[in-house]
Amino acid sequence: MKIYAVNDYVVYGNNGVCKITDIRKEKFYGTEEQVYCVLEPVHSNKSTIYTPINRNLDKFRNVMSCEEVYELIHSIPNEETIWIEDYQARSEKFNEILKEGDPKQLIALIKTLYEHQENLLSNGKKMRMSDEKIMRDAEHLLFDEFAYVLDIQPHEVLPFILNELDDKKIITAET
């Protein structure tokens, strides 16, 4: 089991990258005193999260390294899509991916939804609102972490990825 400390940066569930600002005992209304991890999301100064360590440690994971981010970006063209025609099954699977927050699965999910959206647009149709929401949520999770690791703003992540992939194609074509 990984031990986290104050001032560590972690990815916590669907909250993205957070800084651990404190670890302390608290007793909230109607609960027993417990040890809480106090988290502040890096890209949102509007909230503080108190999470009991004994129940939610499995929702923590280390932030990716810069090398891992570049590896993921360069894997996008080869990533398999995971489209599921059945709406209910798709919704369940995609929400499970969001809940797990695994970056590689998020890449596959985003790529799948981008390709589906492009296909629909080329036929004059729009994507379901629920699929759009899942895509936005997946982008938020992934882009938040990429932004932190790459030291850029979340809105700069997609242009960064597209530029990185375009540069990769040029290098590959020239060699």
N, C-alpha and C. Protein backbone atom coordinates (compact mmCIF):
# COMPACT_ATOMS: atom_id res chain seq x y z
N MET A 1 0.84 -1.18 0.00
CA MET A 1 0.00 0.00 0.00
C MET A 1 0.89 1.25 0.00
N LYS A 2 0.62 2.16 -0.92
CA LYS A 2 1.37 3.42 -1.04
C LYS A 2 1.00 4.34 0.11
N ILE A 3 1.99 4.95 0.70
CA ILE A 3 1.78 5.93 1.75
C ILE A 3 1.96 7.32 1.14
N TYR A 4 0.99 8.17 1.33
CA TYR A 4 1.04 9.53 0.81
C TYR A 4 1.32 10.50 1.94
N ALA A 5 1.88 11.64 1.60
CA ALA A 5 2.25 12.64 2.60
C ALA A 5 1.77 14.02 2.17
N VAL A 6 1.74 14.93 3.13
CA VAL A 6 1.39 16.32 2.85
C VAL A 6 2.35 16.84 1.78
N ASN A 7 1.80 17.61 0.84
CA ASN A 7 2.49 18.22 -0.30
C ASN A 7 2.71 17.26 -1.47
N ASP A 8 2.27 16.00 -1.35
CA ASP A 8 2.28 15.09 -2.50
C ASP A 8 1.17 15.51 -3.46
N TYR A 9 1.39 15.24 -4.74
CA TYR A 9 0.36 15.44 -5.76
C TYR A 9 -0.11 14.07 -6.20
N VAL A 10 -1.42 13.91 -6.25
CA VAL A 10 -2.04 12.63 -6.61
C VAL A 10 -3.19 12.88 -7.55
N VAL A 11 -3.62 11.83 -8.22
CA VAL A 11 -4.87 11.87 -8.95
C VAL A 11 -5.88 11.19 -8.03
N TYR A 12 -6.97 11.89 -7.75
CA TYR A 12 -7.97 11.36 -6.83
C TYR A 12 -9.31 11.22 -7.54
N GLY A 13 -9.68 9.97 -7.82
CA GLY A 13 -10.97 9.69 -8.44
C GLY A 13 -11.24 10.57 -9.65
N ASN A 14 -12.45 11.12 -9.71
CA ASN A 14 -12.85 11.99 -10.83
C ASN A 14 -12.50 13.45 -10.58
N ASN A 15 -11.71 13.72 -9.56
CA ASN A 15 -11.36 15.10 -9.22
C ASN A 15 -10.09 15.57 -9.90
N GLY A 16 -9.39 14.69 -10.58
CA GLY A 16 -8.16 15.07 -11.25
C GLY A 16 -7.00 15.18 -10.30
N VAL A 17 -6.02 15.98 -10.69
CA VAL A 17 -4.81 16.14 -9.89
C VAL A 17 -5.11 17.02 -8.68
N CYS A 18 -4.70 16.52 -7.53
CA CYS A 18 -4.91 17.25 -6.27
C CYS A 18 -3.62 17.28 -5.47
N LYS A 19 -3.47 18.35 -4.70
CA LYS A 19 -2.35 18.44 -3.76
C LYS A 19 -2.88 18.05 -2.38
N ILE A 20 -2.14 17.19 -1.71
CA ILE A 20 -2.49 16.83 -0.33
C ILE A 20 -2.00 17.97 0.55
N THR A 21 -2.94 18.70 1.14
CA THR A 21 -2.57 19.86 1.95
C THR A 21 -2.49 19.54 3.43
N ASP A 22 -3.13 18.45 3.82
CA ASP A 22 -3.10 18.07 5.23
C ASP A 22 -3.58 16.64 5.38
N ILE A 23 -3.15 16.00 6.45
CA ILE A 23 -3.67 14.70 6.86
C ILE A 23 -3.94 14.85 8.35
N ARG A 24 -5.21 14.76 8.71
CA ARG A 24 -5.55 15.04 10.10
C ARG A 24 -6.82 14.33 10.53
N LYS A 25 -6.97 14.26 11.85
CA LYS A 25 -8.19 13.68 12.41
C LYS A 25 -9.29 14.74 12.38
N GLU A 26 -10.49 14.31 11.99
CA GLU A 26 -11.65 15.18 11.95
C GLU A 26 -12.86 14.40 12.43
N LYS A 27 -13.79 15.12 12.97
CA LYS A 27 -15.08 14.53 13.35
C LYS A 27 -16.14 15.43 12.74
N PHE A 28 -16.74 14.96 11.66
CA PHE A 28 -17.80 15.71 11.02
C PHE A 28 -19.14 15.31 11.62
N TYR A 29 -20.12 16.15 11.46
CA TYR A 29 -21.45 15.93 12.03
C TYR A 29 -21.94 14.51 11.76
N GLY A 30 -22.26 13.80 12.83
CA GLY A 30 -22.83 12.47 12.70
C GLY A 30 -21.85 11.35 12.40
N THR A 31 -20.56 11.63 12.45
CA THR A 31 -19.58 10.58 12.16
C THR A 31 -18.59 10.46 13.32
N GLU A 32 -17.92 9.32 13.36
CA GLU A 32 -16.85 9.13 14.33
C GLU A 32 -15.59 9.84 13.84
N GLU A 33 -14.71 10.15 14.76
CA GLU A 33 -13.46 10.77 14.39
C GLU A 33 -12.66 9.80 13.52
N GLN A 34 -12.14 10.32 12.42
CA GLN A 34 -11.35 9.53 11.48
C GLN A 34 -10.17 10.35 10.99
N VAL A 35 -9.23 9.68 10.37
CA VAL A 35 -8.11 10.38 9.74
C VAL A 35 -8.54 10.71 8.30
N TYR A 36 -8.47 11.99 7.98
CA TYR A 36 -8.85 12.48 6.66
C TYR A 36 -7.64 13.00 5.92
N CYS A 37 -7.69 12.82 4.63
CA CYS A 37 -6.71 13.42 3.73
C CYS A 37 -7.40 14.67 3.16
N VAL A 38 -6.77 15.82 3.29
CA VAL A 38 -7.34 17.06 2.79
C VAL A 38 -6.69 17.36 1.44
N LEU A 39 -7.51 17.47 0.41
CA LEU A 39 -7.02 17.64 -0.96
C LEU A 39 -7.53 18.94 -1.56
N GLU A 40 -6.68 19.56 -2.35
CA GLU A 40 -7.09 20.73 -3.13
C GLU A 40 -6.81 20.43 -4.60
N PRO A 41 -7.88 20.40 -5.42
CA PRO A 41 -7.67 20.19 -6.86
C PRO A 41 -6.77 21.29 -7.43
N VAL A 42 -5.81 20.89 -8.24
CA VAL A 42 -4.82 21.80 -8.79
C VAL A 42 -5.44 22.86 -9.70
N HIS A 43 -6.40 22.46 -10.53
CA HIS A 43 -6.97 23.40 -11.49
C HIS A 43 -8.32 23.95 -11.06
N SER A 44 -8.62 23.86 -9.78
CA SER A 44 -9.85 24.42 -9.26
C SER A 44 -9.60 24.88 -7.83
N ASN A 45 -9.58 26.19 -7.63
CA ASN A 45 -9.35 26.70 -6.28
C ASN A 45 -10.66 26.89 -5.52
N LYS A 46 -11.72 26.34 -6.04
CA LYS A 46 -13.04 26.54 -5.44
C LYS A 46 -13.44 25.44 -4.47
N SER A 47 -12.64 24.39 -4.35
CA SER A 47 -13.08 23.30 -3.49
C SER A 47 -11.92 22.71 -2.71
N THR A 48 -12.30 22.17 -1.57
CA THR A 48 -11.40 21.38 -0.74
C THR A 48 -12.10 20.06 -0.49
N ILE A 49 -11.36 18.99 -0.63
CA ILE A 49 -11.93 17.65 -0.48
C ILE A 49 -11.38 17.01 0.79
N TYR A 50 -12.28 16.50 1.60
CA TYR A 50 -11.90 15.74 2.79
C TYR A 50 -12.30 14.29 2.52
N THR A 51 -11.32 13.41 2.51
CA THR A 51 -11.63 12.01 2.23
C THR A 51 -11.01 11.12 3.31
N PRO A 52 -11.84 10.23 3.89
CA PRO A 52 -11.29 9.33 4.91
C PRO A 52 -10.26 8.39 4.29
N ILE A 53 -9.08 8.36 4.86
CA ILE A 53 -8.00 7.55 4.32
C ILE A 53 -8.35 6.06 4.38
N ASN A 54 -8.98 5.62 5.44
CA ASN A 54 -9.23 4.19 5.59
C ASN A 54 -10.24 3.65 4.59
N ARG A 55 -11.03 4.51 3.94
CA ARG A 55 -12.03 4.03 2.98
C ARG A 55 -11.70 4.34 1.54
N ASN A 56 -10.91 5.35 1.27
CA ASN A 56 -10.77 5.83 -0.10
C ASN A 56 -9.36 5.80 -0.67
N LEU A 57 -8.44 5.12 -0.03
CA LEU A 57 -7.07 5.08 -0.53
C LEU A 57 -6.98 4.44 -1.92
N ASP A 58 -7.93 3.56 -2.23
CA ASP A 58 -7.93 2.93 -3.55
C ASP A 58 -8.30 3.91 -4.67
N LYS A 59 -8.81 5.09 -4.33
CA LYS A 59 -9.14 6.10 -5.34
C LYS A 59 -7.96 7.01 -5.66
N PHE A 60 -6.85 6.82 -4.95
CA PHE A 60 -5.64 7.61 -5.17
C PHE A 60 -4.74 6.87 -6.15
N ARG A 61 -4.05 7.63 -6.98
CA ARG A 61 -2.96 7.06 -7.76
C ARG A 61 -1.93 8.14 -8.00
N ASN A 62 -0.71 7.71 -8.25
CA ASN A 62 0.36 8.66 -8.53
C ASN A 62 0.11 9.37 -9.84
N VAL A 63 0.55 10.60 -9.93
CA VAL A 63 0.49 11.38 -11.16
C VAL A 63 1.49 10.76 -12.14
N MET A 64 1.12 10.72 -13.41
CA MET A 64 2.03 10.19 -14.43
C MET A 64 3.30 11.03 -14.53
N SER A 65 4.34 10.41 -15.02
CA SER A 65 5.58 11.14 -15.29
C SER A 65 5.45 11.79 -16.68
N CYS A 66 6.35 12.69 -16.97
CA CYS A 66 6.36 13.34 -18.28
C CYS A 66 6.58 12.30 -19.38
N GLU A 67 7.44 11.33 -19.14
CA GLU A 67 7.69 10.27 -20.12
C GLU A 67 6.42 9.46 -20.39
N GLU A 68 5.67 9.18 -19.34
CA GLU A 68 4.43 8.42 -19.50
C GLU A 68 3.41 9.21 -20.31
N VAL A 69 3.36 10.51 -20.11
CA VAL A 69 2.43 11.35 -20.87
C VAL A 69 2.80 11.32 -22.35
N TYR A 70 4.08 11.49 -22.66
CA TYR A 70 4.52 11.44 -24.07
C TYR A 70 4.26 10.07 -24.68
N GLU A 71 4.50 9.01 -23.93
CA GLU A 71 4.21 7.65 -24.42
C GLU A 71 2.73 7.51 -24.78
N LEU A 72 1.88 7.99 -23.89
CA LEU A 72 0.43 7.91 -24.16
C LEU A 72 0.05 8.70 -25.40
N ILE A 73 0.58 9.90 -25.50
CA ILE A 73 0.26 10.74 -26.68
C ILE A 73 0.68 10.02 -27.95
N HIS A 74 1.87 9.45 -27.95
CA HIS A 74 2.37 8.79 -29.16
C HIS A 74 1.66 7.47 -29.44
N SER A 75 0.96 6.93 -28.46
CA SER A 75 0.21 5.69 -28.66
C SER A 75 -1.17 5.93 -29.26
N ILE A 76 -1.62 7.17 -29.29
CA ILE A 76 -2.98 7.47 -29.74
C ILE A 76 -3.29 6.92 -31.14
N PRO A 77 -2.43 7.14 -32.13
CA PRO A 77 -2.76 6.63 -33.47
C PRO A 77 -2.97 5.11 -33.52
N ASN A 78 -2.30 4.37 -32.64
CA ASN A 78 -2.40 2.91 -32.64
C ASN A 78 -3.45 2.38 -31.68
N GLU A 79 -4.07 3.28 -30.92
CA GLU A 79 -5.04 2.87 -29.92
C GLU A 79 -6.32 2.35 -30.58
N GLU A 80 -6.78 1.20 -30.13
CA GLU A 80 -8.02 0.60 -30.64
C GLU A 80 -9.22 1.37 -30.10
N THR A 81 -10.24 1.54 -30.93
CA THR A 81 -11.47 2.17 -30.46
C THR A 81 -12.34 1.11 -29.78
N ILE A 82 -13.25 1.58 -28.94
CA ILE A 82 -14.04 0.66 -28.11
C ILE A 82 -15.53 0.95 -28.21
N TRP A 83 -16.00 1.31 -29.40
CA TRP A 83 -17.40 1.67 -29.57
C TRP A 83 -18.30 0.46 -29.30
N ILE A 84 -19.39 0.70 -28.60
CA ILE A 84 -20.39 -0.33 -28.30
C ILE A 84 -21.73 0.19 -28.80
N GLU A 85 -22.36 -0.52 -29.71
CA GLU A 85 -23.61 -0.05 -30.32
C GLU A 85 -24.75 0.06 -29.31
N ASP A 86 -24.88 -0.92 -28.43
CA ASP A 86 -25.97 -0.92 -27.45
C ASP A 86 -25.78 0.24 -26.48
N TYR A 87 -26.76 1.16 -26.45
CA TYR A 87 -26.64 2.38 -25.64
C TYR A 87 -26.41 2.07 -24.16
N GLN A 88 -27.19 1.17 -23.59
CA GLN A 88 -27.08 0.85 -22.16
C GLN A 88 -25.71 0.24 -21.83
N ALA A 89 -25.29 -0.73 -22.63
CA ALA A 89 -23.99 -1.36 -22.41
C ALA A 89 -22.86 -0.35 -22.59
N ARG A 90 -22.99 0.51 -23.59
CA ARG A 90 -21.97 1.54 -23.84
C ARG A 90 -21.89 2.50 -22.65
N SER A 91 -23.03 2.95 -22.20
CA SER A 91 -23.08 3.87 -21.07
C SER A 91 -22.43 3.26 -19.83
N GLU A 92 -22.75 2.01 -19.55
CA GLU A 92 -22.17 1.34 -18.39
C GLU A 92 -20.65 1.21 -18.52
N LYS A 93 -20.18 0.76 -19.68
CA LYS A 93 -18.75 0.56 -19.91
C LYS A 93 -17.99 1.89 -19.85
N PHE A 94 -18.52 2.91 -20.51
CA PHE A 94 -17.83 4.20 -20.55
C PHE A 94 -17.80 4.85 -19.17
N ASN A 95 -18.87 4.74 -18.41
CA ASN A 95 -18.89 5.28 -17.05
C ASN A 95 -17.93 4.51 -16.13
N GLU A 96 -17.79 3.23 -16.37
CA GLU A 96 -16.82 2.42 -15.62
C GLU A 96 -15.40 2.91 -15.90
N ILE A 97 -15.11 3.21 -17.16
CA ILE A 97 -13.79 3.73 -17.53
C ILE A 97 -13.54 5.07 -16.83
N LEU A 98 -14.56 5.94 -16.82
CA LEU A 98 -14.41 7.22 -16.13
C LEU A 98 -14.13 7.02 -14.65
N LYS A 99 -14.86 6.09 -14.05
CA LYS A 99 -14.71 5.84 -12.61
C LYS A 99 -13.31 5.32 -12.29
N GLU A 100 -12.79 4.42 -13.13
CA GLU A 100 -11.46 3.86 -12.90
C GLU A 100 -10.37 4.89 -13.16
N GLY A 101 -10.57 5.77 -14.15
CA GLY A 101 -9.63 6.85 -14.41
C GLY A 101 -8.28 6.43 -14.95
N ASP A 102 -8.18 5.22 -15.52
CA ASP A 102 -6.92 4.77 -16.09
C ASP A 102 -6.62 5.59 -17.35
N PRO A 103 -5.47 6.26 -17.42
CA PRO A 103 -5.17 7.13 -18.57
C PRO A 103 -5.22 6.44 -19.92
N LYS A 104 -4.73 5.21 -20.01
CA LYS A 104 -4.75 4.49 -21.29
C LYS A 104 -6.19 4.22 -21.74
N GLN A 105 -7.03 3.83 -20.80
CA GLN A 105 -8.44 3.61 -21.14
C GLN A 105 -9.13 4.92 -21.50
N LEU A 106 -8.76 6.01 -20.82
CA LEU A 106 -9.34 7.31 -21.15
C LEU A 106 -8.96 7.74 -22.56
N ILE A 107 -7.72 7.46 -22.96
CA ILE A 107 -7.28 7.76 -24.33
C ILE A 107 -8.16 7.00 -25.33
N ALA A 108 -8.36 5.70 -25.09
CA ALA A 108 -9.19 4.89 -25.99
C ALA A 108 -10.62 5.41 -26.02
N LEU A 109 -11.14 5.80 -24.88
CA LEU A 109 -12.50 6.33 -24.80
C LEU A 109 -12.64 7.63 -25.58
N ILE A 110 -11.72 8.55 -25.37
CA ILE A 110 -11.77 9.84 -26.07
C ILE A 110 -11.62 9.64 -27.58
N LYS A 111 -10.68 8.80 -27.97
CA LYS A 111 -10.48 8.54 -29.40
C LYS A 111 -11.75 7.94 -30.01
N THR A 112 -12.35 7.01 -29.31
CA THR A 112 -13.58 6.37 -29.78
C THR A 112 -14.68 7.40 -29.99
N LEU A 113 -14.87 8.25 -29.00
CA LEU A 113 -15.95 9.24 -29.07
C LEU A 113 -15.66 10.31 -30.11
N TYR A 114 -14.40 10.72 -30.27
CA TYR A 114 -14.04 11.67 -31.34
C TYR A 114 -14.36 11.08 -32.71
N GLU A 115 -13.95 9.83 -32.93
CA GLU A 115 -14.21 9.20 -34.22
C GLU A 115 -15.71 9.04 -34.47
N HIS A 116 -16.44 8.66 -33.43
CA HIS A 116 -17.89 8.52 -33.57
C HIS A 116 -18.53 9.87 -33.90
N GLN A 117 -18.09 10.91 -33.22
CA GLN A 117 -18.62 12.25 -33.47
C GLN A 117 -18.34 12.69 -34.90
N GLU A 118 -17.13 12.46 -35.37
CA GLU A 118 -16.77 12.83 -36.75
C GLU A 118 -17.63 12.07 -37.76
N ASN A 119 -17.85 10.79 -37.52
CA ASN A 119 -18.68 9.98 -38.39
C ASN A 119 -20.11 10.52 -38.44
N LEU A 120 -20.64 10.85 -37.28
CA LEU A 120 -22.00 11.39 -37.23
C LEU A 120 -22.09 12.73 -37.95
N LEU A 121 -21.12 13.61 -37.69
CA LEU A 121 -21.13 14.93 -38.33
C LEU A 121 -21.05 14.83 -39.84
N SER A 122 -20.28 13.88 -40.35
CA SER A 122 -20.16 13.71 -41.80
C SER A 122 -21.48 13.24 -42.42
N ASN A 123 -22.35 12.67 -41.58
CA ASN A 123 -23.68 12.25 -42.03
C ASN A 123 -24.77 13.22 -41.60
N GLY A 124 -24.38 14.42 -41.14
CA GLY A 124 -25.34 15.44 -40.75
C GLY A 124 -26.06 15.16 -39.45
N LYS A 125 -25.47 14.33 -38.59
CA LYS A 125 -26.11 13.98 -37.31
C LYS A 125 -25.27 14.50 -36.16
N LYS A 126 -25.89 14.48 -34.98
CA LYS A 126 -25.20 14.90 -33.76
C LYS A 126 -25.07 13.72 -32.81
N MET A 127 -24.07 13.81 -31.96
CA MET A 127 -23.84 12.79 -30.96
C MET A 127 -24.85 12.95 -29.82
N ARG A 128 -25.20 11.84 -29.19
CA ARG A 128 -26.08 11.88 -28.01
C ARG A 128 -25.46 12.78 -26.95
N MET A 129 -26.31 13.47 -26.23
CA MET A 129 -25.82 14.34 -25.16
C MET A 129 -25.06 13.55 -24.10
N SER A 130 -25.52 12.33 -23.80
CA SER A 130 -24.85 11.52 -22.79
C SER A 130 -23.44 11.13 -23.25
N ASP A 131 -23.27 10.84 -24.54
CA ASP A 131 -21.93 10.53 -25.06
C ASP A 131 -21.05 11.78 -25.04
N GLU A 132 -21.63 12.95 -25.35
CA GLU A 132 -20.89 14.21 -25.29
C GLU A 132 -20.39 14.48 -23.87
N LYS A 133 -21.25 14.22 -22.90
CA LYS A 133 -20.88 14.44 -21.49
C LYS A 133 -19.75 13.50 -21.09
N ILE A 134 -19.85 12.25 -21.48
CA ILE A 134 -18.78 11.30 -21.16
C ILE A 134 -17.47 11.76 -21.79
N MET A 135 -17.53 12.24 -23.03
CA MET A 135 -16.32 12.71 -23.70
C MET A 135 -15.73 13.92 -22.95
N ARG A 136 -16.58 14.87 -22.56
CA ARG A 136 -16.10 16.04 -21.81
C ARG A 136 -15.48 15.62 -20.47
N ASP A 137 -16.14 14.68 -19.78
CA ASP A 137 -15.62 14.22 -18.49
C ASP A 137 -14.28 13.50 -18.65
N ALA A 138 -14.16 12.67 -19.69
CA ALA A 138 -12.91 11.95 -19.95
C ALA A 138 -11.80 12.95 -20.31
N GLU A 139 -12.12 13.93 -21.14
CA GLU A 139 -11.13 14.95 -21.50
C GLU A 139 -10.69 15.72 -20.26
N HIS A 140 -11.65 16.07 -19.42
CA HIS A 140 -11.32 16.82 -18.21
C HIS A 140 -10.33 16.03 -17.35
N LEU A 141 -10.61 14.76 -17.12
CA LEU A 141 -9.73 13.94 -16.29
C LEU A 141 -8.33 13.83 -16.89
N LEU A 142 -8.27 13.49 -18.16
CA LEU A 142 -6.99 13.27 -18.80
C LEU A 142 -6.23 14.59 -19.01
N PHE A 143 -6.93 15.61 -19.50
CA PHE A 143 -6.28 16.88 -19.79
C PHE A 143 -5.80 17.57 -18.52
N ASP A 144 -6.52 17.38 -17.42
CA ASP A 144 -6.11 17.95 -16.14
C ASP A 144 -4.74 17.40 -15.74
N GLU A 145 -4.59 16.09 -15.87
CA GLU A 145 -3.33 15.47 -15.49
C GLU A 145 -2.22 15.85 -16.48
N PHE A 146 -2.52 15.79 -17.78
CA PHE A 146 -1.52 16.17 -18.78
C PHE A 146 -1.06 17.61 -18.54
N ALA A 147 -2.00 18.51 -18.27
CA ALA A 147 -1.67 19.92 -18.04
C ALA A 147 -0.73 20.07 -16.86
N TYR A 148 -1.03 19.37 -15.79
CA TYR A 148 -0.18 19.45 -14.60
C TYR A 148 1.24 18.94 -14.92
N VAL A 149 1.32 17.78 -15.55
CA VAL A 149 2.62 17.17 -15.83
C VAL A 149 3.42 18.00 -16.83
N LEU A 150 2.76 18.53 -17.85
CA LEU A 150 3.45 19.28 -18.90
C LEU A 150 3.62 20.76 -18.55
N ASP A 151 3.06 21.18 -17.41
CA ASP A 151 3.11 22.56 -16.95
C ASP A 151 2.50 23.52 -17.97
N ILE A 152 1.31 23.15 -18.43
CA ILE A 152 0.53 24.01 -19.32
C ILE A 152 -0.89 24.09 -18.75
N GLN A 153 -1.73 24.89 -19.35
CA GLN A 153 -3.12 25.02 -18.91
C GLN A 153 -3.96 23.91 -19.55
N PRO A 154 -5.03 23.47 -18.88
CA PRO A 154 -5.86 22.39 -19.45
C PRO A 154 -6.36 22.68 -20.87
N HIS A 155 -6.71 23.95 -21.17
CA HIS A 155 -7.20 24.26 -22.51
C HIS A 155 -6.10 24.19 -23.58
N GLU A 156 -4.85 24.09 -23.16
CA GLU A 156 -3.73 23.98 -24.09
C GLU A 156 -3.37 22.54 -24.42
N VAL A 157 -3.99 21.58 -23.72
CA VAL A 157 -3.60 20.18 -23.87
C VAL A 157 -3.95 19.63 -25.25
N LEU A 158 -5.17 19.83 -25.72
CA LEU A 158 -5.55 19.29 -27.02
C LEU A 158 -4.67 19.85 -28.14
N PRO A 159 -4.46 21.17 -28.23
CA PRO A 159 -3.52 21.66 -29.25
C PRO A 159 -2.12 21.06 -29.10
N PHE A 160 -1.67 20.87 -27.87
CA PHE A 160 -0.36 20.27 -27.63
C PHE A 160 -0.32 18.85 -28.19
N ILE A 161 -1.36 18.06 -27.90
CA ILE A 161 -1.42 16.67 -28.38
C ILE A 161 -1.43 16.65 -29.90
N LEU A 162 -2.28 17.47 -30.51
CA LEU A 162 -2.38 17.50 -31.98
C LEU A 162 -1.05 17.92 -32.60
N ASN A 163 -0.39 18.89 -32.02
CA ASN A 163 0.92 19.33 -32.52
C ASN A 163 1.96 18.22 -32.37
N GLU A 164 1.93 17.57 -31.22
CA GLU A 164 2.89 16.48 -30.97
C GLU A 164 2.68 15.33 -31.96
N LEU A 165 1.43 15.00 -32.24
CA LEU A 165 1.15 13.92 -33.19
C LEU A 165 1.50 14.33 -34.61
N ASP A 166 1.27 15.60 -34.94
CA ASP A 166 1.61 16.10 -36.27
C ASP A 166 3.12 16.09 -36.46
N ASP A 167 3.88 16.53 -35.43
CA ASP A 167 5.34 16.50 -35.50
C ASP A 167 5.85 15.06 -35.64
N LYS A 168 5.18 14.15 -34.95
CA LYS A 168 5.57 12.72 -35.01
C LYS A 168 5.38 12.19 -36.44
N LYS A 169 4.27 12.58 -37.09
CA LYS A 169 4.02 12.13 -38.46
C LYS A 169 5.09 12.66 -39.41
N ILE A 170 5.47 13.93 -39.23
CA ILE A 170 6.50 14.54 -40.08
C ILE A 170 7.83 13.81 -39.90
N ILE A 171 8.19 13.55 -38.66
CA ILE A 171 9.45 12.85 -38.39
C ILE A 171 9.43 11.46 -39.00
N THR A 172 8.30 10.75 -38.83
CA THR A 172 8.17 9.41 -39.38
C THR A 172 8.24 9.43 -40.90
N ALA A 173 7.61 10.43 -41.52
CA ALA A 173 7.57 10.52 -42.98
C ALA A 173 8.97 10.84 -43.54
N GLU A 174 9.76 11.60 -42.81
CA GLU A 174 11.07 11.99 -43.30
C GLU A 174 12.13 10.90 -43.10
N THR A 175 11.91 10.00 -42.17
CA THR A 175 12.94 9.00 -41.89
C THR A 175 12.73 7.73 -42.66
